[in-house]
Protein backbone atom coordinates (compact mmCIF):
# COMPACT_ATOMS: atom_id res chain seq x y z
CA UNK A 1 8.14 32.02 36.10
CA UNK A 2 8.70 29.47 33.29
CA UNK A 3 8.42 26.38 36.11
CA UNK A 4 5.19 27.35 36.72
CA UNK A 5 3.94 27.77 33.70
CA UNK A 6 5.63 23.98 32.51
CA UNK A 7 4.29 22.67 36.11
CA UNK A 8 0.42 24.31 35.24
CA UNK A 9 0.44 23.02 31.46
CA UNK A 10 1.67 19.11 33.00
CA UNK A 11 -0.88 18.91 35.62
CA UNK A 12 -3.50 19.91 33.01
CA UNK A 13 -2.13 17.47 30.44
CA UNK A 14 -2.49 15.25 33.66
CA UNK A 15 -5.63 15.88 34.48
CA UNK A 16 -7.07 15.22 30.81
CA UNK A 17 -5.21 12.59 30.36
CA UNK A 18 -7.15 10.87 33.14
CA UNK A 19 -10.61 12.07 31.72
CA UNK A 20 -9.87 10.89 28.65
CA UNK A 21 -8.50 7.90 29.76
CA UNK A 22 -12.18 6.64 31.63
CA UNK A 23 -13.64 7.39 28.02
CA UNK A 24 -11.99 3.92 26.44
CA UNK A 25 -13.96 1.46 28.07
CA UNK A 26 -17.18 3.13 26.98
CA UNK A 27 -15.89 4.18 23.15
CA UNK A 28 -14.54 0.43 22.57
CA UNK A 29 -17.58 -0.65 24.29
CA UNK A 30 -19.72 1.33 21.83
CA UNK A 31 -17.06 -0.01 18.84
CA UNK A 32 -17.59 -3.26 19.45
CA UNK A 33 -21.16 -3.32 19.83
CA UNK A 34 -21.47 -1.13 16.48
CA UNK A 35 -18.92 -2.98 14.15
CA UNK A 36 -19.91 -6.71 15.96
CA UNK A 37 -23.28 -6.73 15.38
CA UNK A 38 -22.54 -5.44 11.12
CA UNK A 39 -19.76 -8.38 10.83
CA UNK A 40 -22.55 -11.00 12.86
CA UNK A 41 -24.91 -9.47 10.11
CA UNK A 42 -23.24 -9.30 7.74
CA UNK A 43 -21.66 -12.84 7.79
CA UNK A 44 -25.55 -14.47 8.76
CA UNK A 45 -26.62 -12.38 5.46
CA UNK A 46 -23.43 -14.49 3.24
CA UNK A 47 -24.90 -17.73 4.70
CA UNK A 48 -28.54 -16.93 3.87
CA UNK A 49 -27.85 -15.69 0.27
CA UNK A 50 -24.42 -18.55 -0.36
CA UNK A 51 -25.70 -18.66 -4.04
CA UNK A 52 -26.00 -14.87 -4.52
CA UNK A 53 -22.78 -14.49 -2.87
CA UNK A 54 -20.50 -17.20 -4.63
CA UNK A 55 -22.04 -15.31 -7.60
CA UNK A 56 -20.30 -12.55 -6.61
CA UNK A 57 -16.80 -13.71 -5.25
CA UNK A 58 -16.63 -15.24 -8.53
CA UNK A 59 -17.63 -11.79 -10.54
CA UNK A 60 -13.94 -10.78 -7.86
CA UNK A 61 -12.00 -13.85 -9.35
CA UNK A 62 -11.62 -15.11 -5.28
CA UNK A 63 -10.55 -18.88 -5.60
CA UNK A 64 -13.66 -21.60 -4.79
CA UNK A 65 -16.05 -18.92 -4.65
CA UNK A 66 -18.62 -21.44 -2.64
CA UNK A 67 -16.15 -22.20 0.15
CA UNK A 68 -15.29 -18.90 0.54
CA UNK A 69 -18.54 -17.64 0.97
CA UNK A 70 -19.18 -20.09 4.06
CA UNK A 71 -16.05 -19.20 5.21
CA UNK A 72 -16.19 -15.77 5.52
CA UNK A 73 -19.85 -16.03 6.55
CA UNK A 74 -19.10 -18.11 9.23
CA UNK A 75 -15.92 -15.79 10.32
CA UNK A 76 -18.28 -12.63 10.49
CA UNK A 77 -21.13 -13.96 11.98
CA UNK A 78 -19.19 -15.92 14.69
CA UNK A 79 -16.07 -13.50 15.02
CA UNK A 80 -19.01 -10.01 15.57
CA UNK A 81 -21.02 -12.13 18.15
CA UNK A 82 -17.44 -12.72 20.03
CA UNK A 83 -16.67 -9.02 19.16
CA UNK A 84 -19.79 -7.94 19.83
CA UNK A 85 -19.51 -9.61 23.50
CA UNK A 86 -16.05 -8.88 23.98
CA UNK A 87 -14.87 -12.24 24.46
CA UNK A 88 -11.76 -13.81 22.63
CA UNK A 89 -11.81 -10.23 21.56
CA UNK A 90 -8.06 -9.17 20.36
CA UNK A 91 -7.41 -13.36 18.98
CA UNK A 92 -10.83 -13.33 16.47
CA UNK A 93 -10.13 -9.47 15.58
CA UNK A 94 -6.82 -11.49 13.06
CA UNK A 95 -9.20 -13.42 11.11
CA UNK A 96 -11.40 -10.11 11.03
CA UNK A 97 -9.04 -8.03 9.46
CA UNK A 98 -7.96 -11.10 7.06
CA UNK A 99 -11.49 -10.30 6.30
CA UNK A 100 -11.35 -6.62 5.86
CA UNK A 101 -7.43 -7.06 3.93
CA UNK A 102 -9.09 -9.29 1.18
CA UNK A 103 -12.46 -6.99 1.41
CA UNK A 104 -9.97 -4.06 -0.35
CA UNK A 105 -7.78 -6.17 -2.00
CA UNK A 106 -10.96 -7.06 -4.23
CA UNK A 107 -14.20 -5.97 -4.17
CA UNK A 108 -12.73 -2.59 -3.02
CA UNK A 109 -9.17 -2.07 -5.55
CA UNK A 110 -10.57 -0.13 -7.96
CA UNK A 111 -11.45 2.78 -5.51
CA UNK A 112 -9.49 2.33 -2.50
CA UNK A 113 -5.88 2.82 -4.10
CA UNK A 114 -6.70 5.63 -5.99
CA UNK A 115 -5.58 7.39 -2.91
CA UNK A 116 -5.61 8.10 1.02
CA UNK A 117 -8.36 9.76 1.15
CA UNK A 118 -10.30 7.01 -1.60
CA UNK A 119 -8.55 4.34 0.99
CA UNK A 120 -10.27 6.27 3.72
CA UNK A 121 -13.36 6.49 2.51
CA UNK A 122 -13.95 2.77 1.83
CA UNK A 123 -15.92 0.70 4.25
CA UNK A 124 -13.69 -1.44 4.91
CA UNK A 125 -11.64 1.41 6.93
CA UNK A 126 -13.72 2.04 9.71
CA UNK A 127 -13.72 -1.92 10.24
CA UNK A 128 -9.99 -2.05 10.06
CA UNK A 129 -9.59 0.80 12.50
CA UNK A 130 -11.79 -1.01 14.62
CA UNK A 131 -10.24 -3.88 15.05
CA UNK A 132 -6.68 -1.64 15.43
CA UNK A 133 -8.18 -0.45 18.17
CA UNK A 134 -9.39 -3.82 19.86
CA UNK A 135 -5.83 -5.32 19.10
CA UNK A 136 -4.37 -2.44 20.80
CA UNK A 137 -5.97 -1.24 23.13
CA UNK A 138 -8.42 -4.89 24.27
CA UNK A 139 -11.64 -4.38 24.32
CA UNK A 140 -12.30 -2.44 27.64
CA UNK A 141 -13.25 -3.16 30.88
CA UNK A 142 -16.88 -3.44 29.17
CA UNK A 143 -16.54 -7.08 28.14
CA UNK A 144 -16.27 -10.92 28.67
CA UNK A 145 -12.57 -10.45 28.83
CA UNK A 146 -12.11 -8.14 31.31
CA UNK A 147 -14.90 -10.37 33.47
CA UNK A 148 -12.99 -13.52 33.11
CA UNK A 149 -10.02 -11.42 34.11
CA UNK A 150 -11.40 -9.85 36.99
CA UNK A 151 -12.79 -13.37 38.38
CA UNK A 152 -9.59 -15.40 38.31
């Protein structure tokens, strides 16, 4: 009797696992498209408004603010485009993760480190979470990375 119940539970668990594993690539695609586009437009905005963003970086005591505007803007713009396409996704997630960590440590430090709820409520959290998903699971099958892998 107990054996039958355990077998059924394992069977149901396997069925759920097979169904949800098929959802991984579409989910990763949606995350990459949304956050890749947001990184791209955010980086583009920084590069189009260098003076204003430099002033903001100065107010945060970020060293070499003008140089960092160009660096962060380029990382976000190019990295966002590559993330959106799913090209070199894991590699490009590393510098984007660094940018998000610096955002937490500078622009969001007063609010983010009060509690875990506050940390998770800050804007960089979802970006970081998405980047961690891409680092851990790759870009999914709907990506340039997967297309290149299939062709080789």
